[in-house]
Amino acid sequence: MRQPFPTPYEDLNAILNDLSAAVEAILGDNLIGLYLQGSFAVGEFDEHSDVDFIAVIRDELAEADVSALNALHARLFALDNHWAQHLEGSYFPQALLRDPDVNGRPLWFLDHGSRSLVRSNHCNTLVVRWVLREHGIALLGPAPATLIDPFPDNELRREIAWDMRDWGARIMAEPESFNNHFYQTFIVQSYCRMLHSLETGQILSKRAGVTWGKAHLDPAWHGLIDRTWAGRPDPAASVRRPADPADFQATLDFIRYAIDLIPAFNAGGELPPP
């Protein structure tokens, strides 16, 4: 079944219906389903949100499939519809999706702001599986929970803790690569969200993470958190301007602070040690 009105935005629904029909025509029986995940799935979205999707396929894409999908994504990107430039998602073989032990293996991936597919492990994570299983919206195909087996919360927490440390190390190694307004705000929101997920064992929205951060983290960070949320709109413009120097330095300090908090969520010993 195809869902004709999956979001409150008529122009986005038009893009999603075009995407669904075209992917179905290209892949035929190899397509099992097409799903929204991310912010539109968890219910905390606005006009600045990315449009995250997962296409579940029976078998790996053939070369001809990749060429046809690249032509599709280039056509959609060129449409006079701002949502067309905010699609992001992966083509996920069903066997890999059902097996969380192979997370990290590259998939065919459409990056945000891109016109063509590349190989990337961006979506092959427990975080994406959890959101898709618990909140995914079927644009076509069976309910996503039928395609993904549940897994323990502590496995999700372990992945999140690893991501916090790994991403933090990459940011500290090359801070200038992240020194723009978009990344500065995105980093603070993401670390609030990841800490929230460590506490709850769930993946909720950045808004929920920021709200949790204001309620639970040291009040010294409240001003930074407020400014990052207020500065969220217009990501296309914010990625082109430098971050406020004081806020960027505070963001680096916030990363260290958040990573230092990981053991506080490790009472049962399941998370990796610091």
Protein backbone atom coordinates (compact mmCIF):
# COMPACT_ATOMS: atom_id res chain seq x y z
CA MET A 1 0.00 0.00 0.00
CA ARG A 2 1.15 3.54 -0.72
CA GLN A 3 0.58 6.31 1.82
CA PRO A 4 -0.41 9.41 -0.20
CA PHE A 5 -0.26 11.95 2.64
CA PRO A 6 2.60 10.96 4.97
CA THR A 7 3.45 14.51 6.15
CA PRO A 8 1.61 17.81 6.78
CA TYR A 9 3.48 19.47 3.89
CA GLU A 10 1.72 19.18 0.54
CA ASP A 11 4.86 19.96 -1.49
CA LEU A 12 6.87 17.35 0.44
CA ASN A 13 4.13 14.76 -0.07
CA ALA A 14 4.36 15.41 -3.81
CA ILE A 15 8.11 14.70 -3.73
CA LEU A 16 7.63 11.54 -1.66
CA ASN A 17 4.91 10.22 -3.95
CA ASP A 18 7.15 10.91 -6.98
CA LEU A 19 10.06 9.17 -5.23
CA SER A 20 7.93 6.17 -4.28
CA ALA A 21 6.45 5.65 -7.73
CA ALA A 22 9.80 6.06 -9.48
CA VAL A 23 11.76 3.77 -7.12
CA GLU A 24 9.02 1.14 -7.47
CA ALA A 25 9.17 1.40 -11.26
CA ILE A 26 12.96 1.10 -11.32
CA LEU A 27 13.37 -1.74 -8.81
CA GLY A 28 10.17 -3.72 -9.40
CA ASP A 29 10.07 -6.93 -7.37
CA ASN A 30 13.44 -6.13 -5.81
CA LEU A 31 11.77 -3.39 -3.76
CA ILE A 32 10.18 -4.56 -0.49
CA GLY A 33 9.24 -1.17 0.92
CA LEU A 34 10.08 2.51 1.19
CA TYR A 35 9.99 4.23 4.60
CA LEU A 36 10.47 7.55 6.31
CA GLN A 37 12.74 7.47 9.34
CA GLY A 38 14.51 10.24 11.25
CA SER A 39 12.72 13.37 12.43
CA PHE A 40 9.59 12.79 10.33
CA ALA A 41 9.25 9.33 11.85
CA VAL A 42 9.73 10.34 15.49
CA GLY A 43 7.30 13.25 15.04
CA GLU A 44 9.56 16.23 15.79
CA PHE A 45 10.04 17.93 12.43
CA ASP A 46 9.65 21.33 10.85
CA GLU A 47 10.29 23.03 7.53
CA HIS A 48 14.08 22.81 8.12
CA SER A 49 14.20 19.04 8.72
CA ASP A 50 16.04 16.56 6.53
CA VAL A 51 13.84 13.94 4.85
CA ASP A 52 15.40 10.62 5.85
CA PHE A 53 14.29 7.49 4.01
CA ILE A 54 15.15 3.81 3.82
CA ALA A 55 14.39 1.67 0.77
CA VAL A 56 14.40 -2.00 1.78
CA ILE A 57 15.43 -4.26 -1.10
CA ARG A 58 15.62 -8.02 -1.55
CA ASP A 59 19.04 -8.09 -3.21
CA GLU A 60 21.93 -5.69 -3.64
CA LEU A 61 21.43 -3.10 -6.39
CA ALA A 62 22.70 -4.01 -9.83
CA GLU A 63 24.80 -1.52 -11.79
CA ALA A 64 21.82 -0.67 -14.00
CA ASP A 65 19.70 0.00 -10.90
CA VAL A 66 22.28 2.42 -9.53
CA SER A 67 22.42 4.28 -12.85
CA ALA A 68 18.63 4.56 -13.02
CA LEU A 69 18.37 5.69 -9.39
CA ASN A 70 21.09 8.29 -9.94
CA ALA A 71 19.07 9.69 -12.84
CA LEU A 72 15.98 9.75 -10.62
CA HIS A 73 17.71 11.56 -7.77
CA ALA A 74 19.27 14.09 -10.16
CA ARG A 75 15.81 14.78 -11.62
CA LEU A 76 14.22 15.21 -8.20
CA PHE A 77 17.02 17.47 -6.99
CA ALA A 78 16.45 19.80 -9.93
CA LEU A 79 12.75 20.32 -9.13
CA ASP A 80 11.55 23.73 -7.98
CA ASN A 81 10.66 22.39 -4.54
CA HIS A 82 12.95 23.00 -1.57
CA TRP A 83 12.23 19.54 -0.13
CA ALA A 84 13.83 17.98 -3.22
CA GLN A 85 17.27 19.10 -2.01
CA HIS A 86 16.76 17.64 1.49
CA LEU A 87 16.29 13.94 0.74
CA GLU A 88 18.74 11.58 2.46
CA GLY A 89 18.61 7.80 2.64
CA SER A 90 19.93 4.35 1.85
CA TYR A 91 19.00 1.28 -0.18
CA PHE A 92 19.15 -1.45 2.45
CA PRO A 93 19.19 -5.19 1.58
CA GLN A 94 16.67 -7.00 3.78
CA ALA A 95 19.15 -9.59 5.06
CA LEU A 96 21.53 -6.86 6.28
CA LEU A 97 18.70 -4.88 7.83
CA ARG A 98 17.55 -7.87 9.85
CA ASP A 99 21.06 -8.70 11.08
CA PRO A 100 22.37 -6.02 13.49
CA ASP A 101 25.73 -7.79 13.69
CA VAL A 102 26.63 -6.47 10.22
CA ASN A 103 26.02 -2.83 11.09
CA GLY A 104 28.71 -0.66 9.54
CA ARG A 105 28.78 -2.40 6.15
CA PRO A 106 28.46 0.17 3.32
CA LEU A 107 25.15 0.62 1.52
CA TRP A 108 24.14 2.66 -1.50
CA PHE A 109 23.44 6.05 0.09
CA LEU A 110 22.03 9.41 -1.01
CA ASP A 111 23.63 12.10 1.12
CA HIS A 112 21.78 15.26 2.09
CA GLY A 113 22.21 17.77 -0.71
CA SER A 114 23.48 15.17 -3.18
CA ARG A 115 22.26 14.17 -6.64
CA SER A 116 23.72 10.66 -6.76
CA LEU A 117 24.38 7.55 -4.69
CA VAL A 118 27.67 6.66 -3.01
CA ARG A 119 28.74 3.71 -0.87
CA SER A 120 28.47 4.65 2.81
CA ASN A 121 27.75 3.05 6.18
CA HIS A 122 25.81 6.15 7.27
CA CYS A 123 22.46 4.35 7.73
CA ASN A 124 23.75 0.89 8.65
CA THR A 125 23.46 1.48 12.38
CA LEU A 126 21.39 0.27 15.32
CA VAL A 127 20.10 3.83 15.74
CA VAL A 128 18.52 3.78 12.26
CA ARG A 129 17.18 0.26 12.80
CA TRP A 130 15.59 1.28 16.11
CA VAL A 131 13.91 4.38 14.66
CA LEU A 132 12.72 2.48 11.60
CA ARG A 133 11.35 -0.41 13.64
CA GLU A 134 9.66 1.70 16.31
CA HIS A 135 8.53 4.75 14.34
CA GLY A 136 9.10 4.23 10.62
CA ILE A 137 6.39 5.47 8.26
CA ALA A 138 5.64 3.20 5.31
CA LEU A 139 5.41 5.11 2.03
CA LEU A 140 4.87 1.71 0.46
CA GLY A 141 5.34 -1.86 1.61
CA PRO A 142 4.72 -3.80 4.86
CA ALA A 143 5.00 -2.36 8.36
CA PRO A 144 8.70 -1.80 9.11
CA ALA A 145 8.52 -3.68 12.42
CA THR A 146 8.01 -6.88 10.40
CA LEU A 147 11.42 -6.40 8.75
CA ILE A 148 13.61 -5.79 11.82
CA ASP A 149 13.99 -8.00 14.87
CA PRO A 150 14.17 -6.25 18.27
CA PHE A 151 17.54 -6.03 19.98
CA PRO A 152 18.57 -5.19 23.57
CA ASP A 153 18.59 -1.55 24.66
CA ASN A 154 22.14 -1.94 25.93
CA GLU A 155 23.36 -2.73 22.41
CA LEU A 156 21.85 0.58 21.28
CA ARG A 157 23.47 2.39 24.22
CA ARG A 158 26.82 0.79 23.43
CA GLU A 159 26.70 2.06 19.84
CA ILE A 160 25.73 5.56 20.97
CA ALA A 161 28.56 5.71 23.51
CA TRP A 162 31.03 4.59 20.84
CA ASP A 163 29.69 7.20 18.40
CA MET A 164 30.01 9.96 21.00
CA ARG A 165 33.67 9.15 21.55
CA ASP A 166 34.54 8.49 17.91
CA TRP A 167 32.84 11.63 16.56
CA GLY A 168 34.29 13.69 19.40
CA ALA A 169 37.81 12.46 18.58
CA ARG A 170 37.35 13.39 14.90
CA ILE A 171 36.07 16.85 15.78
CA MET A 172 38.96 17.48 18.17
CA ALA A 173 41.48 16.26 15.57
CA GLU A 174 40.19 18.65 12.86
CA PRO A 175 38.09 21.33 14.57
CA GLU A 176 38.29 23.77 11.67
CA SER A 177 36.38 21.31 9.49
CA PHE A 178 33.40 21.82 11.81
CA ASN A 179 33.85 25.54 12.44
CA ASN A 180 30.67 26.87 10.89
CA HIS A 181 27.36 27.90 12.39
CA PHE A 182 25.48 24.83 11.15
CA TYR A 183 27.89 22.26 12.58
CA GLN A 184 28.35 24.15 15.83
CA THR A 185 24.62 24.06 16.55
CA PHE A 186 24.21 20.54 15.19
CA ILE A 187 26.97 19.19 17.45
CA VAL A 188 25.47 20.58 20.66
CA GLN A 189 21.98 19.35 19.78
CA SER A 190 23.31 15.92 18.81
CA TYR A 191 25.28 15.43 22.02
CA CYS A 192 22.23 16.42 24.08
CA ARG A 193 20.21 13.89 22.10
CA MET A 194 22.80 11.14 22.52
CA LEU A 195 22.99 11.66 26.28
CA HIS A 196 19.20 11.52 26.41
CA SER A 197 19.31 8.25 24.49
CA LEU A 198 21.86 6.80 26.92
CA GLU A 199 19.42 7.52 29.73
CA THR A 200 16.26 6.26 28.02
CA GLY A 201 17.45 3.54 25.64
CA GLN A 202 15.35 5.23 22.95
CA ILE A 203 15.99 7.53 20.00
CA LEU A 204 13.92 10.65 20.35
CA SER A 205 14.11 14.01 18.63
CA LYS A 206 16.77 16.71 18.91
CA ARG A 207 14.10 18.91 20.45
CA ALA A 208 13.50 16.28 23.14
CA GLY A 209 17.25 15.99 23.68
CA VAL A 210 17.66 19.74 24.05
CA THR A 211 14.73 19.90 26.48
CA TRP A 212 16.25 17.03 28.48
CA GLY A 213 19.63 18.76 28.46
CA LYS A 214 18.16 21.95 29.91
CA ALA A 215 16.49 19.90 32.66
CA HIS A 216 19.39 17.57 33.57
CA LEU A 217 22.76 19.03 32.59
CA ASP A 218 24.85 21.58 34.47
CA PRO A 219 23.10 24.97 34.20
CA ALA A 220 26.37 26.44 32.96
CA TRP A 221 25.51 24.93 29.55
CA HIS A 222 21.97 26.32 29.33
CA GLY A 223 22.95 29.48 27.44
CA LEU A 224 24.88 27.52 24.81
CA ILE A 225 22.01 25.06 24.40
CA ASP A 226 19.48 27.88 24.01
CA ARG A 227 21.60 29.66 21.39
CA THR A 228 22.10 26.49 19.35
CA TRP A 229 18.36 25.83 19.21
CA ALA A 230 17.56 29.45 18.37
CA GLY A 231 20.17 29.34 15.59
CA ARG A 232 18.86 26.17 13.96
CA PRO A 233 16.79 27.64 11.08
CA ASP A 234 18.15 28.03 7.56
CA PRO A 235 20.84 25.33 7.53
CA ALA A 236 21.77 26.04 3.89
CA ALA A 237 22.89 29.55 4.87
CA SER A 238 24.30 28.69 8.29
CA VAL A 239 26.75 26.13 6.87
CA ARG A 240 28.38 28.96 4.90
CA ARG A 241 29.11 31.27 7.83
CA PRO A 242 31.65 30.78 10.62
CA ALA A 243 30.52 29.87 14.09
CA ASP A 244 30.70 32.43 16.85
CA PRO A 245 34.26 31.91 18.20
CA ALA A 246 33.19 31.78 21.85
CA ASP A 247 30.33 29.37 21.11
CA PHE A 248 32.59 27.16 19.03
CA GLN A 249 35.13 26.87 21.85
CA ALA A 250 32.26 26.19 24.27
CA THR A 251 31.00 23.48 21.91
CA LEU A 252 34.39 21.72 22.02
CA ASP A 253 34.25 21.93 25.82
CA PHE A 254 30.68 20.57 25.77
CA ILE A 255 31.80 17.54 23.77
CA ARG A 256 34.39 16.72 26.45
CA TYR A 257 31.80 17.26 29.17
CA ALA A 258 29.26 14.98 27.46
CA ILE A 259 31.81 12.20 26.90
CA ASP A 260 32.85 12.41 30.55
CA LEU A 261 29.21 11.75 31.50
CA ILE A 262 29.03 8.40 29.68
CA PRO A 263 30.03 6.34 32.77
CA ALA A 264 27.10 7.86 34.68
CA PHE A 265 24.80 5.76 32.46
CA ASN A 266 26.89 2.63 32.93
CA ALA A 267 25.66 1.40 36.30
CA GLY A 268 25.03 -2.09 34.96
CA GLY A 269 28.45 -2.33 33.35
CA GLU A 270 27.14 -2.90 29.83
CA LEU A 271 28.51 0.23 28.18
CA PRO A 272 32.15 0.43 27.11
CA PRO A 273 34.50 1.97 29.71
CA PRO A 274 35.74 5.53 29.16
